[in-house]
Amino acid sequence: MQTATLHTLTFVLDPKKIIDLLVKQKPNWDLDVDGHGYHALTFGYLTNELIRRIDIVKHRSMGQFIQEEIAQRLEDCEYYVGTCLPEQYSARISPSILPPETSSSENQSKSNSLQTRAFTFNGLALSLPIDGKDKRLSIINGFTNARSLAQIYASLLFTKNLVNSTTLAKAILNNTPENEYDQILDFIPTKFSQGGYMLDATVVKQFGKVFGHWGIGGSIAFACPDKQLTFAYVPNKLNFDMSKTQLRVQRILDAVQTLID
């Protein structure tokens, strides 16, 4: 998925229109020449459409599929994508605390870079307030807590009728060239597998091969099949520096490492 080279959009509030635009959009670079890149926001729309098309009987959205096939089968698992969030839970959503704003001139100078466009809906988020609870952004809105997220990853490891051993092996099999730099996260090489982000290449090196995701703002969740370990950290105070593991996460990871050694 991270090689589709379709990262930025002008219109963000109409999911159907966004899918049409993605289908028609030309790649931002030549995949055979320039390699892969992190799909910061369009990943949600692409994944949702893939699930909808494969689910040939019900044509469920990503949120519906996760709810019915995974979350509802787990005890006390709270994971909702966009419009799947029950209205009575809205009051429980903790607000995100953004880092100090950069100057408008700095934002303007960055707004034309592919990286900024990928992370800000083609620059729209730099100039317009976007409410993270707006259900028109349903496909990129995930509402959960760390315990539930770790539960979901644990189900991938231990529920045999959900993910078999062959598929699990592919979750930690690198699909990107070794040490190839990410065209969006241009300061680090990244690796992706069928399990998502291979975090052992960047932020979780002490546990061996792991699959999961490291999100902008500081969230991280992963599964380590070899150690039968899952981990999730979901902060409200956001930090957008993705060049290294944040100290607050690293301290927890170090403590986990001490416990399992």
C-alpha atoms as a PDB file:
ATOM      1  CA  MET A   1       0.000   0.000   0.000  1.00  0.00           C
ATOM      2  CA  GLN A   2       2.867   2.381   0.722  1.00  0.00           C
ATOM      3  CA  THR A   3       4.003   2.080  -2.909  1.00  0.00           C
ATOM      4  CA  ALA A   4       0.838   3.437  -4.527  1.00  0.00           C
ATOM      5  CA  THR A   5       2.472   6.925  -4.718  1.00  0.00           C
ATOM      6  CA  LEU A   6      -0.930   8.634  -4.273  1.00  0.00           C
ATOM      7  CA  HIS A   7      -0.550  10.815  -1.200  1.00  0.00           C
ATOM      8  CA  THR A   8      -2.158  14.226  -1.415  1.00  0.00           C
ATOM      9  CA  LEU A   9      -5.660  15.584  -1.967  1.00  0.00           C
ATOM     10  CA  THR A  10      -7.378  18.943  -2.285  1.00  0.00           C
ATOM     11  CA  PHE A  11     -10.867  17.870  -1.168  1.00  0.00           C
ATOM     12  CA  VAL A  12     -11.130  16.029   2.117  1.00  0.00           C
ATOM     13  CA  LEU A  13     -14.691  16.164   3.368  1.00  0.00           C
ATOM     14  CA  ASP A  14     -16.386  13.915   0.802  1.00  0.00           C
ATOM     15  CA  PRO A  15     -15.082  10.310   1.020  1.00  0.00           C
ATOM     16  CA  LYS A  16     -16.731   9.249  -2.245  1.00  0.00           C
ATOM     17  CA  LYS A  17     -15.214  12.180  -4.076  1.00  0.00           C
ATOM     18  CA  ILE A  18     -11.814  11.419  -2.557  1.00  0.00           C
ATOM     19  CA  ILE A  19     -11.930   7.835  -3.825  1.00  0.00           C
ATOM     20  CA  ASP A  20     -12.766   9.099  -7.315  1.00  0.00           C
ATOM     21  CA  LEU A  21      -9.862  11.538  -7.139  1.00  0.00           C
ATOM     22  CA  LEU A  22      -7.463   8.833  -5.972  1.00  0.00           C
ATOM     23  CA  VAL A  23      -8.490   6.580  -8.845  1.00  0.00           C
ATOM     24  CA  LYS A  24      -7.816   9.359 -11.344  1.00  0.00           C
ATOM     25  CA  GLN A  25      -4.739  10.879  -9.720  1.00  0.00           C
ATOM     26  CA  LYS A  26      -1.370  10.379 -11.371  1.00  0.00           C
ATOM     27  CA  PRO A  27       1.459   9.018  -9.180  1.00  0.00           C
ATOM     28  CA  ASN A  28       3.669  11.622  -7.544  1.00  0.00           C
ATOM     29  CA  TRP A  29       6.794   9.790  -8.683  1.00  0.00           C
ATOM     30  CA  ASP A  30       7.993   6.809 -10.709  1.00  0.00           C
ATOM     31  CA  LEU A  31       7.758   3.808  -8.400  1.00  0.00           C
ATOM     32  CA  ASP A  32      10.347   1.801 -10.339  1.00  0.00           C
ATOM     33  CA  VAL A  33      12.869   4.635 -10.045  1.00  0.00           C
ATOM     34  CA  ASP A  34      12.161   6.450  -6.777  1.00  0.00           C
ATOM     35  CA  GLY A  35      10.782   3.716  -4.542  1.00  0.00           C
ATOM     36  CA  HIS A  36       8.192   3.938  -1.792  1.00  0.00           C
ATOM     37  CA  GLY A  37       6.661   6.574   0.479  1.00  0.00           C
ATOM     38  CA  TYR A  38       4.470   6.806   3.565  1.00  0.00           C
ATOM     39  CA  HIS A  39       0.790   7.432   2.777  1.00  0.00           C
ATOM     40  CA  ALA A  40       0.021   9.671   5.726  1.00  0.00           C
ATOM     41  CA  LEU A  41      -3.698  10.369   5.221  1.00  0.00           C
ATOM     42  CA  THR A  42      -4.775   8.782   1.946  1.00  0.00           C
ATOM     43  CA  PHE A  43      -3.833   5.379   3.395  1.00  0.00           C
ATOM     44  CA  GLY A  44      -7.157   5.336   5.245  1.00  0.00           C
ATOM     45  CA  TYR A  45      -9.189   5.960   2.113  1.00  0.00           C
ATOM     46  CA  LEU A  46      -7.232   3.404   0.082  1.00  0.00           C
ATOM     47  CA  THR A  47      -7.568   0.759   2.793  1.00  0.00           C
ATOM     48  CA  ASN A  48     -11.272   1.441   3.214  1.00  0.00           C
ATOM     49  CA  GLU A  49     -11.886   1.024  -0.504  1.00  0.00           C
ATOM     50  CA  LEU A  50      -9.831  -2.174  -0.626  1.00  0.00           C
ATOM     51  CA  ILE A  51     -11.852  -3.701   2.218  1.00  0.00           C
ATOM     52  CA  ARG A  52     -15.145  -2.553   0.709  1.00  0.00           C
ATOM     53  CA  ARG A  53     -14.348  -4.221  -2.611  1.00  0.00           C
ATOM     54  CA  ILE A  54     -13.021  -7.467  -1.122  1.00  0.00           C
ATOM     55  CA  ASP A  55     -16.025  -7.779   1.211  1.00  0.00           C
ATOM     56  CA  ILE A  56     -18.148  -8.801  -1.751  1.00  0.00           C
ATOM     57  CA  VAL A  57     -21.245  -9.787   0.232  1.00  0.00           C
ATOM     58  CA  LYS A  58     -21.710  -6.898   2.675  1.00  0.00           C
ATOM     59  CA  HIS A  59     -19.397  -4.213   1.188  1.00  0.00           C
ATOM     60  CA  ARG A  60     -18.627  -2.970   4.688  1.00  0.00           C
ATOM     61  CA  SER A  61     -16.481   0.048   5.449  1.00  0.00           C
ATOM     62  CA  MET A  62     -13.171  -0.360   7.240  1.00  0.00           C
ATOM     63  CA  GLY A  63     -14.779   0.753  10.506  1.00  0.00           C
ATOM     64  CA  GLN A  64     -17.656  -1.698  10.174  1.00  0.00           C
ATOM     65  CA  PHE A  65     -15.325  -4.546   9.234  1.00  0.00           C
ATOM     66  CA  ILE A  66     -13.009  -3.963  12.217  1.00  0.00           C
ATOM     67  CA  GLN A  67     -15.979  -3.715  14.561  1.00  0.00           C
ATOM     68  CA  GLU A  68     -17.738  -6.858  13.387  1.00  0.00           C
ATOM     69  CA  GLU A  69     -14.773  -9.102  12.627  1.00  0.00           C
ATOM     70  CA  ILE A  70     -12.363  -8.109  15.413  1.00  0.00           C
ATOM     71  CA  ALA A  71     -13.409  -5.623  18.114  1.00  0.00           C
ATOM     72  CA  GLN A  72     -16.833  -7.101  18.975  1.00  0.00           C
ATOM     73  CA  ARG A  73     -15.242 -10.516  19.457  1.00  0.00           C
ATOM     74  CA  LEU A  74     -12.873  -9.182  22.121  1.00  0.00           C
ATOM     75  CA  GLU A  75     -13.743  -8.358  25.714  1.00  0.00           C
ATOM     76  CA  ASP A  76     -14.087  -4.624  26.444  1.00  0.00           C
ATOM     77  CA  CYS A  77     -12.372  -3.623  23.204  1.00  0.00           C
ATOM     78  CA  GLU A  78     -13.156  -0.041  22.247  1.00  0.00           C
ATOM     79  CA  TYR A  79     -12.032   0.770  18.743  1.00  0.00           C
ATOM     80  CA  TYR A  80     -14.152   2.878  16.420  1.00  0.00           C
ATOM     81  CA  VAL A  81     -13.431   4.433  13.054  1.00  0.00           C
ATOM     82  CA  GLY A  82     -15.341   7.625  12.306  1.00  0.00           C
ATOM     83  CA  THR A  83     -19.078   7.132  11.973  1.00  0.00           C
ATOM     84  CA  CYS A  84     -18.865   3.781  13.777  1.00  0.00           C
ATOM     85  CA  LEU A  85     -18.346   5.714  17.015  1.00  0.00           C
ATOM     86  CA  PRO A  86     -21.599   5.530  19.036  1.00  0.00           C
ATOM     87  CA  GLU A  87     -22.963   8.989  19.757  1.00  0.00           C
ATOM     88  CA  GLN A  88     -23.069   8.317  23.503  1.00  0.00           C
ATOM     89  CA  TYR A  89     -19.279   7.874  23.496  1.00  0.00           C
ATOM     90  CA  SER A  90     -18.553  11.295  22.008  1.00  0.00           C
ATOM     91  CA  ALA A  91     -18.271  12.933  25.444  1.00  0.00           C
ATOM     92  CA  ARG A  92     -15.502  10.493  26.376  1.00  0.00           C
ATOM     93  CA  ILE A  93     -13.189  11.582  23.579  1.00  0.00           C
ATOM     94  CA  SER A  94     -10.168  13.370  25.044  1.00  0.00           C
ATOM     95  CA  PRO A  95      -8.999  16.401  23.066  1.00  0.00           C
ATOM     96  CA  SER A  96      -5.651  16.316  21.330  1.00  0.00           C
ATOM     97  CA  ILE A  97      -3.095  18.838  22.573  1.00  0.00           C
ATOM     98  CA  LEU A  98      -1.171  20.225  19.633  1.00  0.00           C
ATOM     99  CA  PRO A  99       2.449  21.416  19.867  1.00  0.00           C
ATOM    100  CA  PRO A 100       3.121  25.184  19.716  1.00  0.00           C
ATOM    101  CA  GLU A 101       2.173  26.613  16.338  1.00  0.00           C
ATOM    102  CA  THR A 102       4.877  27.532  13.876  1.00  0.00           C
ATOM    103  CA  SER A 103       4.845  30.964  12.287  1.00  0.00           C
ATOM    104  CA  SER A 104       2.676  31.561   9.229  1.00  0.00           C
ATOM    105  CA  SER A 105       5.767  32.339   7.148  1.00  0.00           C
ATOM    106  CA  GLU A 106       7.313  29.021   8.119  1.00  0.00           C
ATOM    107  CA  ASN A 107       4.085  27.216   7.253  1.00  0.00           C
ATOM    108  CA  GLN A 108       3.969  28.986   3.891  1.00  0.00           C
ATOM    109  CA  SER A 109       7.540  28.005   3.052  1.00  0.00           C
ATOM    110  CA  LYS A 110       6.803  24.352   3.778  1.00  0.00           C
ATOM    111  CA  SER A 111       3.344  24.168   2.250  1.00  0.00           C
ATOM    112  CA  ASN A 112       4.568  23.210  -1.228  1.00  0.00           C
ATOM    113  CA  SER A 113       6.728  20.290  -0.125  1.00  0.00           C
ATOM    114  CA  LEU A 114       5.346  16.830  -0.851  1.00  0.00           C
ATOM    115  CA  GLN A 115       5.841  15.845   2.781  1.00  0.00           C
ATOM    116  CA  THR A 116       3.778  18.761   4.085  1.00  0.00           C
ATOM    117  CA  ARG A 117       1.073  18.236   1.477  1.00  0.00           C
ATOM    118  CA  ALA A 118       0.836  14.559   2.428  1.00  0.00           C
ATOM    119  CA  PHE A 119       0.372  15.347   6.122  1.00  0.00           C
ATOM    120  CA  THR A 120      -1.955  18.350   5.733  1.00  0.00           C
ATOM    121  CA  PHE A 121      -4.461  17.421   3.020  1.00  0.00           C
ATOM    122  CA  ASN A 122      -2.535  19.268   0.340  1.00  0.00           C
ATOM    123  CA  GLY A 123      -1.890  22.211   2.669  1.00  0.00           C
ATOM    124  CA  LEU A 124      -5.533  22.670   3.647  1.00  0.00           C
ATOM    125  CA  ALA A 125      -4.903  21.959   7.338  1.00  0.00           C
ATOM    126  CA  LEU A 126      -2.362  24.786   7.470  1.00  0.00           C
ATOM    127  CA  SER A 127      -5.029  27.382   6.788  1.00  0.00           C
ATOM    128  CA  LEU A 128      -8.376  25.870   7.797  1.00  0.00           C
ATOM    129  CA  PRO A 129      -9.432  24.441  11.179  1.00  0.00           C
ATOM    130  CA  ILE A 130     -10.231  20.734  10.804  1.00  0.00           C
ATOM    131  CA  ASP A 131     -12.149  19.136  13.655  1.00  0.00           C
ATOM    132  CA  GLY A 132     -10.735  15.702  14.423  1.00  0.00           C
ATOM    133  CA  LYS A 133     -14.221  14.568  15.477  1.00  0.00           C
ATOM    134  CA  ASP A 134     -15.809  15.660  12.195  1.00  0.00           C
ATOM    135  CA  LYS A 135     -17.524  12.510  10.887  1.00  0.00           C
ATOM    136  CA  ARG A 136     -16.992  13.679   7.336  1.00  0.00           C
ATOM    137  CA  LEU A 137     -13.385  12.659   7.972  1.00  0.00           C
ATOM    138  CA  SER A 138     -14.596   9.258   9.113  1.00  0.00           C
ATOM    139  CA  ILE A 139     -12.107   7.106   7.252  1.00  0.00           C
ATOM    140  CA  ILE A 140      -9.040   8.617   8.929  1.00  0.00           C
ATOM    141  CA  ASN A 141     -10.570   8.982  12.398  1.00  0.00           C
ATOM    142  CA  GLY A 142      -9.744   6.185  14.811  1.00  0.00           C
ATOM    143  CA  PHE A 143     -11.021   6.423  18.397  1.00  0.00           C
ATOM    144  CA  THR A 144      -9.526   4.007  20.903  1.00  0.00           C
ATOM    145  CA  ASN A 145      -7.298   3.582  23.924  1.00  0.00           C
ATOM    146  CA  ALA A 146      -3.966   1.838  24.379  1.00  0.00           C
ATOM    147  CA  ARG A 147      -5.412  -1.272  26.024  1.00  0.00           C
ATOM    148  CA  SER A 148      -7.900  -1.871  23.208  1.00  0.00           C
ATOM    149  CA  LEU A 149      -5.290  -1.301  20.536  1.00  0.00           C
ATOM    150  CA  ALA A 150      -2.923  -3.795  22.174  1.00  0.00           C
ATOM    151  CA  GLN A 151      -5.845  -6.251  22.390  1.00  0.00           C
ATOM    152  CA  ILE A 152      -6.428  -6.024  18.655  1.00  0.00           C
ATOM    153  CA  TYR A 153      -2.778  -6.744  17.901  1.00  0.00           C
ATOM    154  CA  ALA A 154      -2.862  -9.644  20.375  1.00  0.00           C
ATOM    155  CA  SER A 155      -5.839 -11.103  18.523  1.00  0.00           C
ATOM    156  CA  LEU A 156      -3.731 -11.134  15.350  1.00  0.00           C
ATOM    157  CA  LEU A 157      -1.101 -13.204  17.145  1.00  0.00           C
ATOM    158  CA  PHE A 158      -3.269 -15.605  19.103  1.00  0.00           C
ATOM    159  CA  THR A 159      -6.581 -16.008  17.245  1.00  0.00           C
ATOM    160  CA  LYS A 160      -5.770 -18.705  14.706  1.00  0.00           C
ATOM    161  CA  ASN A 161      -8.987 -18.401  12.712  1.00  0.00           C
ATOM    162  CA  LEU A 162      -8.338 -14.679  12.270  1.00  0.00           C
ATOM    163  CA  VAL A 163      -4.731 -14.768  11.026  1.00  0.00           C
ATOM    164  CA  ASN A 164      -3.052 -18.067  10.167  1.00  0.00           C
ATOM    165  CA  SER A 165       0.670 -18.778  10.553  1.00  0.00           C
ATOM    166  CA  THR A 166       1.404 -18.218   6.853  1.00  0.00           C
ATOM    167  CA  THR A 167      -0.161 -14.764   6.871  1.00  0.00           C
ATOM    168  CA  LEU A 168       1.519 -13.914  10.174  1.00  0.00           C
ATOM    169  CA  ALA A 169       4.904 -14.772   8.673  1.00  0.00           C
ATOM    170  CA  LYS A 170       4.222 -12.330   5.841  1.00  0.00           C
ATOM    171  CA  ALA A 171       3.421  -9.624   8.411  1.00  0.00           C
ATOM    172  CA  ILE A 172       7.124  -9.445   9.301  1.00  0.00           C
ATOM    173  CA  LEU A 173       8.489 -10.014   5.787  1.00  0.00           C
ATOM    174  CA  ASN A 174       9.943  -6.820   4.365  1.00  0.00           C
ATOM    175  CA  ASN A 175       8.409  -5.746   1.019  1.00  0.00           C
ATOM    176  CA  THR A 176      10.640  -2.714   0.479  1.00  0.00           C
ATOM    177  CA  PRO A 177      14.312  -2.587  -0.555  1.00  0.00           C
ATOM    178  CA  GLU A 178      16.722  -2.583   2.361  1.00  0.00           C
ATOM    179  CA  ASN A 179      17.769   0.923   3.461  1.00  0.00           C
ATOM    180  CA  GLU A 180      15.621   2.608   0.798  1.00  0.00           C
ATOM    181  CA  TYR A 181      14.749   6.139   1.862  1.00  0.00           C
ATOM    182  CA  ASP A 182      11.101   7.039   2.230  1.00  0.00           C
ATOM    183  CA  GLN A 183       9.999   9.673  -0.302  1.00  0.00           C
ATOM    184  CA  ILE A 184       7.694  11.282   2.279  1.00  0.00           C
ATOM    185  CA  LEU A 185       9.682  10.715   5.475  1.00  0.00           C
ATOM    186  CA  ASP A 186      12.822  11.745   3.653  1.00  0.00           C
ATOM    187  CA  PHE A 187      15.081  11.767   6.694  1.00  0.00           C
ATOM    188  CA  ILE A 188      14.839   8.011   7.415  1.00  0.00           C
ATOM    189  CA  PRO A 189      14.743   4.707   5.540  1.00  0.00           C
ATOM    190  CA  THR A 190      11.516   2.797   6.234  1.00  0.00           C
ATOM    191  CA  LYS A 191      10.375  -0.783   5.751  1.00  0.00           C
ATOM    192  CA  PHE A 192       6.821  -1.999   5.134  1.00  0.00           C
ATOM    193  CA  SER A 193       5.336  -5.476   5.129  1.00  0.00           C
ATOM    194  CA  GLN A 194       1.848  -6.930   4.788  1.00  0.00           C
ATOM    195  CA  GLY A 195       1.567  -6.252   8.528  1.00  0.00           C
ATOM    196  CA  GLY A 196       2.160  -2.539   8.064  1.00  0.00           C
ATOM    197  CA  TYR A 197       5.119  -0.555   9.315  1.00  0.00           C
ATOM    198  CA  MET A 198       8.149  -2.720  10.201  1.00  0.00           C
ATOM    199  CA  LEU A 199       9.156  -0.721  13.256  1.00  0.00           C
ATOM    200  CA  ASP A 200      12.326  -2.712  13.959  1.00  0.00           C
ATOM    201  CA  ALA A 201      13.976  -0.650  11.220  1.00  0.00           C
ATOM    202  CA  THR A 202      13.399   2.629  13.031  1.00  0.00           C
ATOM    203  CA  VAL A 203      11.904   2.925  16.492  1.00  0.00           C
ATOM    204  CA  VAL A 204      11.605  -0.537  18.075  1.00  0.00           C
ATOM    205  CA  LYS A 205      14.919  -2.207  17.427  1.00  0.00           C
ATOM    206  CA  GLN A 206      15.310  -4.089  20.713  1.00  0.00           C
ATOM    207  CA  PHE A 207      12.482  -6.607  20.161  1.00  0.00           C
ATOM    208  CA  GLY A 208      13.460  -8.117  16.822  1.00  0.00           C
ATOM    209  CA  LYS A 209      10.997  -8.218  13.956  1.00  0.00           C
ATOM    210  CA  VAL A 210       7.745  -6.414  14.732  1.00  0.00           C
ATOM    211  CA  PHE A 211       4.842  -5.096  12.685  1.00  0.00           C
ATOM    212  CA  GLY A 212       2.454  -2.287  13.497  1.00  0.00           C
ATOM    213  CA  HIS A 213       2.343   1.457  13.116  1.00  0.00           C
ATOM    214  CA  TRP A 214       4.111   4.547  14.388  1.00  0.00           C
ATOM    215  CA  GLY A 215       1.812   7.520  13.979  1.00  0.00           C
ATOM    216  CA  ILE A 216       2.500  11.205  13.682  1.00  0.00           C
ATOM    217  CA  GLY A 217       1.899  12.813  17.066  1.00  0.00           C
ATOM    218  CA  GLY A 218       3.572  10.005  19.014  1.00  0.00           C
ATOM    219  CA  SER A 219       1.133   7.088  18.948  1.00  0.00           C
ATOM    220  CA  ILE A 220       2.641   3.654  18.462  1.00  0.00           C
ATOM    221  CA  ALA A 221       1.267   0.118  18.415  1.00  0.00           C
ATOM    222  CA  PHE A 222       2.872  -3.144  17.358  1.00  0.00           C
ATOM    223  CA  ALA A 223       3.018  -6.916  17.668  1.00  0.00           C
ATOM    224  CA  CYS A 224       6.168  -8.991  18.113  1.00  0.00           C
ATOM    225  CA  PRO A 225       5.431 -12.620  17.150  1.00  0.00           C
ATOM    226  CA  ASP A 226       8.766 -14.006  18.375  1.00  0.00           C
ATOM    227  CA  LYS A 227       8.240 -12.683  21.904  1.00  0.00           C
ATOM    228  CA  GLN A 228       4.430 -13.043  21.825  1.00  0.00           C
ATOM    229  CA  LEU A 229       4.228  -9.401  22.805  1.00  0.00           C
ATOM    230  CA  THR A 230       1.913  -6.564  21.818  1.00  0.00           C
ATOM    231  CA  PHE A 231       2.277  -2.932  22.794  1.00  0.00           C
ATOM    232  CA  ALA A 232       0.322   0.296  22.365  1.00  0.00           C
ATOM    233  CA  TYR A 233       0.858   3.891  23.448  1.00  0.00           C
ATOM    234  CA  VAL A 234      -1.725   6.554  22.605  1.00  0.00           C
ATOM    235  CA  PRO A 235      -0.920  10.071  23.869  1.00  0.00           C
ATOM    236  CA  ASN A 236      -3.137  13.134  23.809  1.00  0.00           C
ATOM    237  CA  LYS A 237      -0.231  15.580  23.842  1.00  0.00           C
ATOM    238  CA  LEU A 238       1.102  15.384  20.325  1.00  0.00           C
ATOM    239  CA  ASN A 239       4.681  15.666  19.152  1.00  0.00           C
ATOM    240  CA  PHE A 240       5.250  15.779  15.399  1.00  0.00           C
ATOM    241  CA  ASP A 241       8.975  14.987  15.421  1.00  0.00           C
ATOM    242  CA  MET A 242       9.203  11.598  13.681  1.00  0.00           C
ATOM    243  CA  SER A 243      12.970  11.592  13.219  1.00  0.00           C
ATOM    244  CA  LYS A 244      13.498   9.517  16.389  1.00  0.00           C
ATOM    245  CA  THR A 245      11.676   7.620  19.101  1.00  0.00           C
ATOM    246  CA  GLN A 246      10.271  10.058  21.622  1.00  0.00           C
ATOM    247  CA  LEU A 247      11.735   9.850  25.103  1.00  0.00           C
ATOM    248  CA  ARG A 248       8.368   9.269  26.763  1.00  0.00           C
ATOM    249  CA  VAL A 249       7.805   6.158  24.615  1.00  0.00           C
ATOM    250  CA  GLN A 250      11.398   4.981  24.853  1.00  0.00           C
ATOM    251  CA  ARG A 251      11.254   4.889  28.653  1.00  0.00           C
ATOM    252  CA  ILE A 252       8.240   2.578  28.535  1.00  0.00           C
ATOM    253  CA  LEU A 253       9.831   0.350  25.886  1.00  0.00           C
ATOM    254  CA  ASP A 254      13.006   0.092  27.963  1.00  0.00           C
ATOM    255  CA  ALA A 255      10.942  -0.953  30.988  1.00  0.00           C
ATOM    256  CA  VAL A 256       9.164  -3.625  28.932  1.00  0.00           C
ATOM    257  CA  GLN A 257      12.510  -4.880  27.664  1.00  0.00           C
ATOM    258  CA  THR A 258      13.755  -5.210  31.252  1.00  0.00           C
ATOM    259  CA  LEU A 259      10.704  -7.268  32.215  1.00  0.00           C
ATOM    260  CA  ILE A 260      10.989  -9.771  29.362  1.00  0.00           C
ATOM    261  CA  ASP A 261      14.771 -10.262  29.431  1.00  0.00           C
END
